[in-house]
Amino acid sequence: CKNLALYPVGHPSARHSEVNWADPDLDRFPQFRDAKIHEVVLQAGDVLYLPTNYFHHIVSLNTNLQCNARSGVTQHYMKEIKDCGFAPPGAVG
């Protein structure tokens, strides 16, 4: 979380990053330089599965439709999510 510059719990944009991921200001957010990323370009008909609690940034190159669905709960990364202050009540990890 420290590398993503997330807004704090209670902020209207909590769980979102202050950083413009498309053009990060590394002078203002030097820790973003250490954020781990995976870049994926999807083609028509492709599907990308993101695990529960996985931070992501979407850039649409053309007109498209996006659909988000929750497919269950996992405890993966729950310690890190709790360290950021965003874990649901009763979360283990």
N, C-alpha and C. Protein backbone atom coordinates (compact mmCIF):
# COMPACT_ATOMS: atom_id res chain seq x y z
N CYS A 1 0.82 -1.21 0.00
CA CYS A 1 0.00 0.00 0.00
C CYS A 1 0.85 1.25 0.00
N LYS A 2 1.94 1.23 0.73
CA LYS A 2 2.76 2.45 0.82
C LYS A 2 3.27 2.88 -0.55
N ASN A 3 3.47 1.93 -1.46
CA ASN A 3 3.97 2.28 -2.79
C ASN A 3 2.87 2.80 -3.70
N LEU A 4 1.60 2.58 -3.34
CA LEU A 4 0.48 2.97 -4.20
C LEU A 4 -0.11 4.32 -3.86
N ALA A 5 0.30 4.92 -2.75
CA ALA A 5 -0.21 6.23 -2.31
C ALA A 5 -1.73 6.25 -2.26
N LEU A 6 -2.30 5.29 -1.52
CA LEU A 6 -3.75 5.20 -1.41
C LEU A 6 -4.30 6.30 -0.51
N TYR A 7 -5.49 6.78 -0.86
CA TYR A 7 -6.19 7.69 0.04
C TYR A 7 -6.51 6.92 1.31
N PRO A 8 -6.56 7.57 2.46
CA PRO A 8 -6.78 6.87 3.72
C PRO A 8 -8.22 6.40 3.92
N VAL A 9 -8.39 5.45 4.81
CA VAL A 9 -9.73 4.99 5.21
C VAL A 9 -10.51 6.21 5.67
N GLY A 10 -11.77 6.31 5.26
CA GLY A 10 -12.61 7.44 5.62
C GLY A 10 -12.63 8.53 4.57
N HIS A 11 -11.66 8.56 3.67
CA HIS A 11 -11.65 9.53 2.58
C HIS A 11 -12.69 9.10 1.54
N PRO A 12 -13.37 10.04 0.88
CA PRO A 12 -14.37 9.66 -0.13
C PRO A 12 -13.81 8.77 -1.25
N SER A 13 -12.52 8.86 -1.50
CA SER A 13 -11.90 8.02 -2.53
C SER A 13 -11.03 6.93 -1.92
N ALA A 14 -11.34 6.53 -0.68
CA ALA A 14 -10.56 5.48 -0.02
C ALA A 14 -10.45 4.26 -0.93
N ARG A 15 -9.33 3.60 -0.85
CA ARG A 15 -8.97 2.43 -1.64
C ARG A 15 -8.55 2.79 -3.06
N HIS A 16 -8.56 4.07 -3.40
CA HIS A 16 -8.06 4.52 -4.69
C HIS A 16 -6.72 5.22 -4.48
N SER A 17 -5.94 5.29 -5.52
CA SER A 17 -4.62 5.90 -5.43
C SER A 17 -4.66 7.37 -5.83
N GLU A 18 -3.86 8.17 -5.14
CA GLU A 18 -3.69 9.57 -5.51
C GLU A 18 -2.86 9.71 -6.79
N VAL A 19 -2.13 8.69 -7.13
CA VAL A 19 -1.21 8.73 -8.26
C VAL A 19 -1.99 8.57 -9.57
N ASN A 20 -1.64 9.38 -10.55
CA ASN A 20 -2.14 9.18 -11.91
C ASN A 20 -1.28 8.07 -12.50
N TRP A 21 -1.79 6.86 -12.54
CA TRP A 21 -0.99 5.72 -12.96
C TRP A 21 -0.52 5.82 -14.40
N ALA A 22 -1.25 6.56 -15.23
CA ALA A 22 -0.87 6.72 -16.63
C ALA A 22 0.31 7.68 -16.78
N ASP A 23 0.51 8.56 -15.80
CA ASP A 23 1.59 9.54 -15.85
C ASP A 23 2.00 9.90 -14.42
N PRO A 24 2.62 8.96 -13.71
CA PRO A 24 2.92 9.19 -12.29
C PRO A 24 3.91 10.33 -12.07
N ASP A 25 3.62 11.16 -11.10
CA ASP A 25 4.50 12.24 -10.69
C ASP A 25 5.44 11.66 -9.63
N LEU A 26 6.62 11.22 -10.08
CA LEU A 26 7.55 10.54 -9.18
C LEU A 26 8.27 11.50 -8.24
N ASP A 27 8.19 12.81 -8.52
CA ASP A 27 8.72 13.77 -7.55
C ASP A 27 7.78 13.85 -6.35
N ARG A 28 6.48 13.83 -6.61
CA ARG A 28 5.49 13.90 -5.53
C ARG A 28 5.28 12.55 -4.86
N PHE A 29 5.36 11.47 -5.63
CA PHE A 29 5.13 10.11 -5.12
C PHE A 29 6.33 9.22 -5.45
N PRO A 30 7.49 9.47 -4.87
CA PRO A 30 8.67 8.67 -5.22
C PRO A 30 8.51 7.19 -4.89
N GLN A 31 7.66 6.86 -3.90
CA GLN A 31 7.47 5.46 -3.54
C GLN A 31 6.79 4.66 -4.65
N PHE A 32 6.10 5.36 -5.56
CA PHE A 32 5.41 4.66 -6.65
C PHE A 32 6.42 3.98 -7.59
N ARG A 33 7.62 4.47 -7.59
CA ARG A 33 8.68 3.88 -8.41
C ARG A 33 8.88 2.40 -8.04
N ASP A 34 8.58 2.03 -6.78
CA ASP A 34 8.77 0.66 -6.30
C ASP A 34 7.51 -0.19 -6.38
N ALA A 35 6.44 0.37 -6.92
CA ALA A 35 5.20 -0.42 -7.05
C ALA A 35 5.42 -1.52 -8.08
N LYS A 36 4.89 -2.70 -7.79
CA LYS A 36 5.00 -3.83 -8.71
C LYS A 36 3.80 -3.80 -9.65
N ILE A 37 4.05 -3.92 -10.95
CA ILE A 37 2.96 -3.87 -11.92
C ILE A 37 3.03 -5.04 -12.89
N HIS A 38 1.90 -5.31 -13.49
CA HIS A 38 1.77 -6.24 -14.61
C HIS A 38 0.95 -5.51 -15.66
N GLU A 39 1.45 -5.42 -16.86
CA GLU A 39 0.71 -4.75 -17.93
C GLU A 39 0.11 -5.81 -18.85
N VAL A 40 -1.18 -5.67 -19.14
CA VAL A 40 -1.90 -6.62 -19.97
C VAL A 40 -2.68 -5.85 -21.02
N VAL A 41 -2.59 -6.27 -22.26
CA VAL A 41 -3.41 -5.69 -23.33
C VAL A 41 -4.35 -6.79 -23.81
N LEU A 42 -5.65 -6.52 -23.68
CA LEU A 42 -6.65 -7.50 -24.07
C LEU A 42 -7.19 -7.20 -25.46
N GLN A 43 -7.55 -8.23 -26.17
CA GLN A 43 -8.17 -8.11 -27.49
C GLN A 43 -9.66 -8.41 -27.37
N ALA A 44 -10.41 -8.08 -28.40
CA ALA A 44 -11.85 -8.34 -28.40
C ALA A 44 -12.13 -9.79 -28.02
N GLY A 45 -13.03 -9.98 -27.06
CA GLY A 45 -13.40 -11.32 -26.61
C GLY A 45 -12.54 -11.86 -25.48
N ASP A 46 -11.46 -11.20 -25.14
CA ASP A 46 -10.59 -11.64 -24.05
C ASP A 46 -11.23 -11.33 -22.70
N VAL A 47 -10.84 -12.11 -21.70
CA VAL A 47 -11.30 -11.92 -20.33
C VAL A 47 -10.06 -11.92 -19.44
N LEU A 48 -10.06 -11.05 -18.45
CA LEU A 48 -8.97 -11.02 -17.48
C LEU A 48 -9.55 -11.26 -16.10
N TYR A 49 -9.04 -12.24 -15.41
CA TYR A 49 -9.46 -12.53 -14.04
C TYR A 49 -8.48 -11.87 -13.09
N LEU A 50 -9.00 -11.06 -12.17
CA LEU A 50 -8.19 -10.47 -11.12
C LEU A 50 -8.63 -11.06 -9.79
N PRO A 51 -7.70 -11.52 -8.99
CA PRO A 51 -8.06 -12.07 -7.68
C PRO A 51 -8.74 -11.02 -6.80
N THR A 52 -9.50 -11.46 -5.84
CA THR A 52 -10.13 -10.57 -4.87
C THR A 52 -9.08 -9.67 -4.25
N ASN A 53 -9.41 -8.40 -4.08
CA ASN A 53 -8.56 -7.39 -3.45
C ASN A 53 -7.36 -6.97 -4.30
N TYR A 54 -7.29 -7.36 -5.55
CA TYR A 54 -6.15 -7.03 -6.41
C TYR A 54 -6.31 -5.60 -6.92
N PHE A 55 -5.36 -4.72 -6.62
CA PHE A 55 -5.43 -3.36 -7.10
C PHE A 55 -5.19 -3.35 -8.61
N HIS A 56 -5.93 -2.48 -9.31
CA HIS A 56 -5.79 -2.44 -10.76
C HIS A 56 -6.10 -1.04 -11.29
N HIS A 57 -5.63 -0.79 -12.48
CA HIS A 57 -5.85 0.48 -13.19
C HIS A 57 -6.21 0.09 -14.62
N ILE A 58 -7.27 0.67 -15.16
CA ILE A 58 -7.75 0.30 -16.49
C ILE A 58 -7.63 1.49 -17.42
N VAL A 59 -7.08 1.25 -18.61
CA VAL A 59 -7.05 2.24 -19.68
C VAL A 59 -7.72 1.60 -20.88
N SER A 60 -8.74 2.24 -21.40
CA SER A 60 -9.45 1.73 -22.57
C SER A 60 -8.87 2.37 -23.82
N LEU A 61 -8.42 1.56 -24.76
CA LEU A 61 -7.84 2.08 -25.99
C LEU A 61 -8.91 2.39 -27.03
N ASN A 62 -10.06 1.75 -26.90
CA ASN A 62 -11.20 1.95 -27.80
C ASN A 62 -12.47 1.87 -26.97
N THR A 63 -13.60 2.06 -27.62
CA THR A 63 -14.88 1.88 -26.95
C THR A 63 -15.00 0.41 -26.55
N ASN A 64 -15.39 0.15 -25.31
CA ASN A 64 -15.51 -1.23 -24.85
C ASN A 64 -16.50 -1.29 -23.69
N LEU A 65 -16.81 -2.48 -23.29
CA LEU A 65 -17.64 -2.73 -22.13
C LEU A 65 -16.80 -3.44 -21.08
N GLN A 66 -16.99 -3.06 -19.84
CA GLN A 66 -16.29 -3.71 -18.74
C GLN A 66 -17.33 -4.19 -17.74
N CYS A 67 -17.10 -5.34 -17.19
CA CYS A 67 -18.02 -5.91 -16.21
C CYS A 67 -17.19 -6.45 -15.05
N ASN A 68 -17.56 -6.05 -13.85
CA ASN A 68 -16.89 -6.56 -12.65
C ASN A 68 -17.85 -7.49 -11.92
N ALA A 69 -17.35 -8.60 -11.49
CA ALA A 69 -18.14 -9.54 -10.70
C ALA A 69 -17.26 -10.12 -9.61
N ARG A 70 -17.80 -10.26 -8.43
CA ARG A 70 -17.06 -10.88 -7.33
C ARG A 70 -17.28 -12.39 -7.43
N SER A 71 -16.17 -13.12 -7.39
CA SER A 71 -16.29 -14.56 -7.56
C SER A 71 -15.91 -15.33 -6.31
N GLY A 72 -16.01 -14.67 -5.19
CA GLY A 72 -15.68 -15.36 -3.96
C GLY A 72 -14.72 -14.55 -3.13
N VAL A 73 -14.40 -15.06 -1.98
CA VAL A 73 -13.50 -14.38 -1.06
C VAL A 73 -12.29 -15.27 -0.85
N THR A 74 -11.15 -14.65 -0.85
CA THR A 74 -9.91 -15.38 -0.59
C THR A 74 -9.16 -14.66 0.52
N GLN A 75 -8.33 -15.37 1.20
CA GLN A 75 -7.52 -14.77 2.26
C GLN A 75 -6.15 -14.35 1.74
N HIS A 76 -5.89 -14.58 0.43
CA HIS A 76 -4.62 -14.16 -0.15
C HIS A 76 -4.45 -12.65 0.01
N TYR A 77 -3.31 -12.23 0.44
CA TYR A 77 -2.96 -10.82 0.62
C TYR A 77 -3.76 -10.13 1.72
N MET A 78 -4.48 -10.88 2.55
CA MET A 78 -5.32 -10.25 3.56
C MET A 78 -4.47 -9.52 4.60
N LYS A 79 -3.29 -10.05 4.93
CA LYS A 79 -2.42 -9.34 5.87
C LYS A 79 -2.06 -7.97 5.31
N GLU A 80 -1.68 -7.92 4.04
CA GLU A 80 -1.32 -6.66 3.42
C GLU A 80 -2.52 -5.71 3.35
N ILE A 81 -3.69 -6.23 3.06
CA ILE A 81 -4.91 -5.41 3.01
C ILE A 81 -5.21 -4.86 4.40
N LYS A 82 -5.06 -5.71 5.42
CA LYS A 82 -5.29 -5.25 6.80
C LYS A 82 -4.27 -4.19 7.19
N ASP A 83 -3.02 -4.38 6.78
CA ASP A 83 -1.99 -3.39 7.08
C ASP A 83 -2.33 -2.02 6.47
N CYS A 84 -3.04 -2.04 5.37
CA CYS A 84 -3.48 -0.78 4.72
C CYS A 84 -4.72 -0.21 5.39
N GLY A 85 -5.40 -1.02 6.22
CA GLY A 85 -6.59 -0.55 6.92
C GLY A 85 -7.88 -0.82 6.18
N PHE A 86 -7.87 -1.67 5.16
CA PHE A 86 -9.05 -1.87 4.34
C PHE A 86 -9.69 -3.25 4.46
N ALA A 87 -9.21 -4.10 5.35
CA ALA A 87 -9.76 -5.45 5.46
C ALA A 87 -11.18 -5.42 6.04
N PRO A 88 -12.04 -6.29 5.54
CA PRO A 88 -13.39 -6.36 6.11
C PRO A 88 -13.35 -6.89 7.53
N PRO A 89 -14.33 -6.56 8.35
CA PRO A 89 -14.37 -7.07 9.73
C PRO A 89 -14.32 -8.60 9.74
N GLY A 90 -13.55 -9.14 10.64
CA GLY A 90 -13.46 -10.60 10.77
C GLY A 90 -12.50 -11.26 9.81
N ALA A 91 -11.81 -10.47 8.98
CA ALA A 91 -10.88 -11.05 8.01
C ALA A 91 -9.72 -11.70 8.73
N VAL A 92 -9.29 -12.82 8.20
CA VAL A 92 -8.16 -13.56 8.77
C VAL A 92 -6.92 -13.25 7.95
N GLY A 93 -5.77 -13.16 8.60
CA GLY A 93 -4.57 -12.97 7.79
C GLY A 93 -3.53 -12.15 8.44
